[in-house]
PDB file of N, CA and C in Angstrom:
ATOM      1  N   MET A   1      50.259  50.476-121.656  1.00  0.00           N
ATOM      2  CA  MET A   1      50.624  49.278-121.684  1.00  0.00           C
ATOM      3  C   MET A   1      51.315  49.019-123.222  1.00  0.00           C
ATOM      4  N   THR A   2      52.496  48.235-123.102  1.00  0.00           N
ATOM      5  CA  THR A   2      53.126  48.027-124.439  1.00  0.00           C
ATOM      6  C   THR A   2      52.632  46.856-125.154  1.00  0.00           C
ATOM      7  N   THR A   3      52.888  46.704-126.393  1.00  0.00           N
ATOM      8  CA  THR A   3      52.373  45.545-127.216  1.00  0.00           C
ATOM      9  C   THR A   3      53.016  44.228-126.523  1.00  0.00           C
ATOM     10  N   ALA A   4      54.186  44.309-125.874  1.00  0.00           N
ATOM     11  CA  ALA A   4      54.884  43.065-125.262  1.00  0.00           C
ATOM     12  C   ALA A   4      53.936  42.619-124.100  1.00  0.00           C
ATOM     13  N   GLN A   5      53.074  43.463-123.531  1.00  0.00           N
ATOM     14  CA  GLN A   5      52.210  42.943-122.415  1.00  0.00           C
ATOM     15  C   GLN A   5      51.019  42.440-122.896  1.00  0.00           C
ATOM     16  N   LEU A   6      50.630  42.353-124.248  1.00  0.00           N
ATOM     17  CA  LEU A   6      49.366  41.932-124.842  1.00  0.00           C
ATOM     18  C   LEU A   6      49.649  40.660-125.399  1.00  0.00           C
ATOM     19  N   CYS A   7      48.668  39.746-125.305  1.00  0.00           N
ATOM     20  CA  CYS A   7      48.788  38.485-125.999  1.00  0.00           C
ATOM     21  C   CYS A   7      48.530  38.675-127.450  1.00  0.00           C
ATOM     22  N   PRO A   8      49.372  38.059-128.334  1.00  0.00           N
ATOM     23  CA  PRO A   8      49.266  38.281-129.743  1.00  0.00           C
ATOM     24  C   PRO A   8      48.101  37.572-130.375  1.00  0.00           C
ATOM     25  N   ALA A   9      47.589  36.581-129.647  1.00  0.00           N
ATOM     26  CA  ALA A   9      46.394  35.799-130.146  1.00  0.00           C
ATOM     27  C   ALA A   9      45.060  36.569-129.900  1.00  0.00           C
ATOM     28  N   CYS A  10      44.883  37.128-128.631  1.00  0.00           N
ATOM     29  CA  CYS A  10      43.457  37.605-128.447  1.00  0.00           C
ATOM     30  C   CYS A  10      43.569  39.116-127.972  1.00  0.00           C
ATOM     31  N   GLY A  11      44.788  39.688-127.667  1.00  0.00           N
ATOM     32  CA  GLY A  11      44.985  41.116-127.399  1.00  0.00           C
ATOM     33  C   GLY A  11      44.757  41.399-125.824  1.00  0.00           C
ATOM     34  N   ALA A  12      44.486  40.453-125.065  1.00  0.00           N
ATOM     35  CA  ALA A  12      44.246  40.563-123.520  1.00  0.00           C
ATOM     36  C   ALA A  12      45.694  40.710-123.057  1.00  0.00           C
ATOM     37  N   ARG A  13      45.662  41.129-121.739  1.00  0.00           N
ATOM     38  CA  ARG A  13      46.935  41.227-120.941  1.00  0.00           C
ATOM     39  C   ARG A  13      47.462  39.725-120.910  1.00  0.00           C
ATOM     40  N   ASN A  14      48.785  39.634-121.049  1.00  0.00           N
ATOM     41  CA  ASN A  14      49.386  38.369-121.064  1.00  0.00           C
ATOM     42  C   ASN A  14      50.035  37.997-119.750  1.00  0.00           C
ATOM     43  N   ASP A  15      50.146  39.051-118.811  1.00  0.00           N
ATOM     44  CA  ASP A  15      50.574  38.795-117.316  1.00  0.00           C
ATOM     45  C   ASP A  15      52.055  38.496-117.403  1.00  0.00           C
ATOM     46  N   CYS A  16      52.842  38.765-118.430  1.00  0.00           N
ATOM     47  CA  CYS A  16      54.177  38.444-118.483  1.00  0.00           C
ATOM     48  C   CYS A  16      55.134  39.295-117.511  1.00  0.00           C
ATOM     49  N   ALA A  17      55.697  38.712-116.666  1.00  0.00           N
ATOM     50  CA  ALA A  17      56.468  39.431-115.712  1.00  0.00           C
ATOM     51  C   ALA A  17      57.666  40.043-116.336  1.00  0.00           C
ATOM     52  N   LEU A  18      58.250  39.414-117.418  1.00  0.00           N
ATOM     53  CA  LEU A  18      59.461  40.084-118.005  1.00  0.00           C
ATOM     54  C   LEU A  18      59.060  41.301-118.847  1.00  0.00           C
ATOM     55  N   ALA A  19      57.885  41.362-119.380  1.00  0.00           N
ATOM     56  CA  ALA A  19      57.515  42.530-120.145  1.00  0.00           C
ATOM     57  C   ALA A  19      57.033  43.765-119.335  1.00  0.00           C
ATOM     58  N   ASP A  20      56.923  43.651-118.099  1.00  0.00           N
ATOM     59  CA  ASP A  20      56.564  44.709-117.135  1.00  0.00           C
ATOM     60  C   ASP A  20      57.822  45.144-116.409  1.00  0.00           C
ATOM     61  N   PRO A  21      58.313  46.382-116.624  1.00  0.00           N
ATOM     62  CA  PRO A  21      59.596  46.790-115.977  1.00  0.00           C
ATOM     63  C   PRO A  21      59.455  46.695-114.456  1.00  0.00           C
ATOM     64  N   ARG A  22      58.249  46.741-113.799  1.00  0.00           N
ATOM     65  CA  ARG A  22      58.095  46.552-112.424  1.00  0.00           C
ATOM     66  C   ARG A  22      58.443  45.321-111.756  1.00  0.00           C
ATOM     67  N   THR A  23      58.193  44.225-112.791  1.00  0.00           N
ATOM     68  CA  THR A  23      58.435  42.850-112.342  1.00  0.00           C
ATOM     69  C   THR A  23      59.439  42.134-113.101  1.00  0.00           C
ATOM     70  N   ALA A  24      60.156  42.841-114.002  1.00  0.00           N
ATOM     71  CA  ALA A  24      61.114  42.175-114.908  1.00  0.00           C
ATOM     72  C   ALA A  24      62.209  41.322-114.236  1.00  0.00           C
ATOM     73  N   ASP A  25      62.520  41.514-112.990  1.00  0.00           N
ATOM     74  CA  ASP A  25      63.417  40.728-112.277  1.00  0.00           C
ATOM     75  C   ASP A  25      62.858  39.497-111.663  1.00  0.00           C
ATOM     76  N   GLN A  26      61.611  39.172-111.933  1.00  0.00           N
ATOM     77  CA  GLN A  26      60.851  38.011-111.253  1.00  0.00           C
ATOM     78  C   GLN A  26      60.691  36.935-112.385  1.00  0.00           C
ATOM     79  N   ALA A  27      60.520  35.723-112.048  1.00  0.00           N
ATOM     80  CA  ALA A  27      60.159  34.687-112.936  1.00  0.00           C
ATOM     81  C   ALA A  27      58.707  34.812-113.393  1.00  0.00           C
ATOM     82  N   CYS A  28      58.569  34.550-114.712  1.00  0.00           N
ATOM     83  CA  CYS A  28      57.214  34.688-115.270  1.00  0.00           C
ATOM     84  C   CYS A  28      56.420  33.418-115.052  1.00  0.00           C
ATOM     85  N   TRP A  29      55.074  33.552-115.142  1.00  0.00           N
ATOM     86  CA  TRP A  29      54.168  32.366-114.968  1.00  0.00           C
ATOM     87  C   TRP A  29      54.589  31.224-115.906  1.00  0.00           C
ATOM     88  N   CYS A  30      54.931  31.725-117.059  1.00  0.00           N
ATOM     89  CA  CYS A  30      55.221  30.637-118.134  1.00  0.00           C
ATOM     90  C   CYS A  30      56.435  29.756-117.714  1.00  0.00           C
ATOM     91  N   TYR A  31      57.204  30.145-116.849  1.00  0.00           N
ATOM     92  CA  TYR A  31      58.341  29.191-116.378  1.00  0.00           C
ATOM     93  C   TYR A  31      57.835  27.968-115.739  1.00  0.00           C
ATOM     94  N   SER A  32      56.692  28.132-115.306  1.00  0.00           N
ATOM     95  CA  SER A  32      56.180  26.882-114.442  1.00  0.00           C
ATOM     96  C   SER A  32      55.124  26.019-115.283  1.00  0.00           C
ATOM     97  N   VAL A  33      55.055  26.166-116.518  1.00  0.00           N
ATOM     98  CA  VAL A  33      54.067  25.411-117.382  1.00  0.00           C
ATOM     99  C   VAL A  33      54.697  24.861-118.563  1.00  0.00           C
ATOM    100  N   THR A  34      54.046  23.972-119.319  1.00  0.00           N
ATOM    101  CA  THR A  34      54.551  23.401-120.613  1.00  0.00           C
ATOM    102  C   THR A  34      53.495  23.758-121.611  1.00  0.00           C
ATOM    103  N   ILE A  35      53.952  24.591-122.600  1.00  0.00           N
ATOM    104  CA  ILE A  35      53.115  25.089-123.670  1.00  0.00           C
ATOM    105  C   ILE A  35      53.245  24.140-124.889  1.00  0.00           C
ATOM    106  N   ASP A  36      52.192  23.638-125.342  1.00  0.00           N
ATOM    107  CA  ASP A  36      52.189  22.722-126.469  1.00  0.00           C
ATOM    108  C   ASP A  36      52.774  23.480-127.665  1.00  0.00           C
ATOM    109  N   PRO A  37      53.847  23.004-128.274  1.00  0.00           N
ATOM    110  CA  PRO A  37      54.402  23.754-129.481  1.00  0.00           C
ATOM    111  C   PRO A  37      53.511  23.887-130.591  1.00  0.00           C
ATOM    112  N   ALA A  38      52.456  23.065-130.789  1.00  0.00           N
ATOM    113  CA  ALA A  38      51.352  23.310-131.760  1.00  0.00           C
ATOM    114  C   ALA A  38      50.607  24.536-131.466  1.00  0.00           C
ATOM    115  N   VAL A  39      50.413  24.906-130.280  1.00  0.00           N
ATOM    116  CA  VAL A  39      49.748  26.261-129.890  1.00  0.00           C
ATOM    117  C   VAL A  39      50.591  27.353-130.538  1.00  0.00           C
ATOM    118  N   LEU A  40      51.824  27.293-130.352  1.00  0.00           N
ATOM    119  CA  LEU A  40      52.793  28.466-130.824  1.00  0.00           C
ATOM    120  C   LEU A  40      52.775  28.323-132.405  1.00  0.00           C
ATOM    121  N   GLN A  41      52.790  27.285-132.928  1.00  0.00           N
ATOM    122  CA  GLN A  41      52.911  27.127-134.423  1.00  0.00           C
ATOM    123  C   GLN A  41      51.598  27.563-135.084  1.00  0.00           C
ATOM    124  N   ALA A  42      50.473  27.584-134.275  1.00  0.00           N
ATOM    125  CA  ALA A  42      49.202  27.946-134.839  1.00  0.00           C
ATOM    126  C   ALA A  42      49.110  29.489-135.105  1.00  0.00           C
ATOM    127  N   LEU A  43      49.997  30.089-134.450  1.00  0.00           N
ATOM    128  CA  LEU A  43      50.050  31.664-134.617  1.00  0.00           C
ATOM    129  C   LEU A  43      50.554  32.093-135.938  1.00  0.00           C
ATOM    130  N   PRO A  44      49.994  33.123-136.513  1.00  0.00           N
ATOM    131  CA  PRO A  44      50.564  33.545-137.877  1.00  0.00           C
ATOM    132  C   PRO A  44      52.058  33.977-137.634  1.00  0.00           C
ATOM    133  N   ASP A  45      52.736  33.735-138.743  1.00  0.00           N
ATOM    134  CA  ASP A  45      54.259  34.116-138.620  1.00  0.00           C
ATOM    135  C   ASP A  45      54.514  35.461-138.052  1.00  0.00           C
ATOM    136  N   GLU A  46      53.748  36.487-138.463  1.00  0.00           N
ATOM    137  CA  GLU A  46      53.989  37.788-138.079  1.00  0.00           C
ATOM    138  C   GLU A  46      53.701  38.061-136.613  1.00  0.00           C
ATOM    139  N   LEU A  47      53.061  37.177-135.919  1.00  0.00           N
ATOM    140  CA  LEU A  47      52.728  37.338-134.548  1.00  0.00           C
ATOM    141  C   LEU A  47      53.597  36.454-133.583  1.00  0.00           C
ATOM    142  N   ARG A  48      54.401  35.530-134.166  1.00  0.00           N
ATOM    143  CA  ARG A  48      55.245  34.737-133.422  1.00  0.00           C
ATOM    144  C   ARG A  48      56.531  35.420-132.994  1.00  0.00           C
ATOM    145  N   ASN A  49      56.788  35.134-131.687  1.00  0.00           N
ATOM    146  CA  ASN A  49      58.064  35.607-131.158  1.00  0.00           C
ATOM    147  C   ASN A  49      58.072  37.160-130.923  1.00  0.00           C
ATOM    148  N   LYS A  50      56.849  37.749-130.739  1.00  0.00           N
ATOM    149  CA  LYS A  50      56.659  39.220-130.594  1.00  0.00           C
ATOM    150  C   LYS A  50      56.353  39.434-129.094  1.00  0.00           C
ATOM    151  N   ALA A  51      55.444  38.600-128.525  1.00  0.00           N
ATOM    152  CA  ALA A  51      55.098  38.832-127.207  1.00  0.00           C
ATOM    153  C   ALA A  51      54.559  37.442-126.747  1.00  0.00           C
ATOM    154  N   CYS A  52      54.375  37.324-125.420  1.00  0.00           N
ATOM    155  CA  CYS A  52      53.872  36.086-124.787  1.00  0.00           C
ATOM    156  C   CYS A  52      52.376  35.920-124.972  1.00  0.00           C
ATOM    157  N   LEU A  53      52.015  34.800-125.089  1.00  0.00           N
ATOM    158  CA  LEU A  53      50.607  34.287-125.057  1.00  0.00           C
ATOM    159  C   LEU A  53      49.928  34.659-123.653  1.00  0.00           C
ATOM    160  N   CYS A  54      48.751  34.841-123.522  1.00  0.00           N
ATOM    161  CA  CYS A  54      48.087  34.909-122.218  1.00  0.00           C
ATOM    162  C   CYS A  54      47.887  33.331-121.801  1.00  0.00           C
ATOM    163  N   PRO A  55      47.703  33.055-120.459  1.00  0.00           N
ATOM    164  CA  PRO A  55      47.495  31.787-120.051  1.00  0.00           C
ATOM    165  C   PRO A  55      46.316  31.087-120.754  1.00  0.00           C
ATOM    166  N   ARG A  56      45.382  31.707-121.062  1.00  0.00           N
ATOM    167  CA  ARG A  56      44.179  31.169-121.731  1.00  0.00           C
ATOM    168  C   ARG A  56      44.555  30.676-123.117  1.00  0.00           C
ATOM    169  N   CYS A  57      45.087  31.589-123.939  1.00  0.00           N
ATOM    170  CA  CYS A  57      45.606  31.115-125.253  1.00  0.00           C
ATOM    171  C   CYS A  57      46.586  30.219-125.272  1.00  0.00           C
ATOM    172  N   ALA A  58      47.556  30.183-124.344  1.00  0.00           N
ATOM    173  CA  ALA A  58      48.587  29.333-124.198  1.00  0.00           C
ATOM    174  C   ALA A  58      47.964  27.824-123.733  1.00  0.00           C
ATOM    175  N   GLN A  59      46.677  27.891-123.368  1.00  0.00           N
ATOM    176  CA  GLN A  59      46.011  26.712-122.881  1.00  0.00           C
ATOM    177  C   GLN A  59      46.749  26.014-121.781  1.00  0.00           C
ATOM    178  N   VAL A  60      47.087  26.805-120.780  1.00  0.00           N
ATOM    179  CA  VAL A  60      47.724  26.363-119.604  1.00  0.00           C
ATOM    180  C   VAL A  60      46.954  26.715-118.258  1.00  0.00           C
ATOM    181  N   ASP A  61      45.740  27.162-118.401  1.00  0.00           N
ATOM    182  CA  ASP A  61      44.996  27.616-117.160  1.00  0.00           C
ATOM    183  C   ASP A  61      45.024  26.493-116.183  1.00  0.00           C
ATOM    184  N   GLU A  62      44.782  25.253-116.692  1.00  0.00           N
ATOM    185  CA  GLU A  62      44.650  24.083-115.631  1.00  0.00           C
ATOM    186  C   GLU A  62      45.963  23.878-114.996  1.00  0.00           C
ATOM    187  N   GLN A  63      47.124  23.975-115.738  1.00  0.00           N
ATOM    188  CA  GLN A  63      48.427  23.700-115.218  1.00  0.00           C
ATOM    189  C   GLN A  63      48.737  24.812-114.139  1.00  0.00           C
ATOM    190  N   LEU A  64      48.262  26.073-114.321  1.00  0.00           N
ATOM    191  CA  LEU A  64      48.497  27.156-113.397  1.00  0.00           C
ATOM    192  C   LEU A  64      47.655  26.874-112.109  1.00  0.00           C
ATOM    193  N   ARG A  65      46.357  26.517-112.291  1.00  0.00           N
ATOM    194  CA  ARG A  65      45.479  26.110-111.099  1.00  0.00           C
ATOM    195  C   ARG A  65      46.176  25.140-110.241  1.00  0.00           C
ATOM    196  N   GLY A  66      46.695  23.940-110.937  1.00  0.00           N
ATOM    197  CA  GLY A  66      47.313  22.882-110.213  1.00  0.00           C
ATOM    198  C   GLY A  66      48.536  23.312-109.477  1.00  0.00           C
ATOM    199  N   ALA A  67      49.297  24.424-109.991  1.00  0.00           N
ATOM    200  CA  ALA A  67      50.448  24.836-109.365  1.00  0.00           C
ATOM    201  C   ALA A  67      50.056  25.646-108.068  1.00  0.00           C
ATOM    202  N   GLU A  68      48.971  26.349-108.198  1.00  0.00           N
ATOM    203  CA  GLU A  68      48.456  27.189-107.050  1.00  0.00           C
ATOM    204  C   GLU A  68      48.029  26.312-105.927  1.00  0.00           C
ATOM    205  N   GLN A  69      47.518  25.056-106.255  1.00  0.00           N
ATOM    206  CA  GLN A  69      46.864  24.200-105.250  1.00  0.00           C
ATOM    207  C   GLN A  69      48.054  23.363-104.607  1.00  0.00           C
ATOM    208  N   ALA A  70      49.157  23.201-105.200  1.00  0.00           N
ATOM    209  CA  ALA A  70      50.231  22.369-104.721  1.00  0.00           C
ATOM    210  C   ALA A  70      50.969  23.024-103.550  1.00  0.00           C
TER     211      ALA A  70
END
């Protein structure tokens, strides 16, 4: 697993479709949610724009559950 596949905030898998060569041609889960810019700004500078957050750290679990039920 590459560092691009790990959440920079917690180190768990971020499930980023674009970071995985097997699914790089598919839309990522993050395309269907809105991430609060404050969540991204809370990351230390050295961790920003290196890899995607996981859904939990991006604080979008509820949005993703709503999309699954729709």
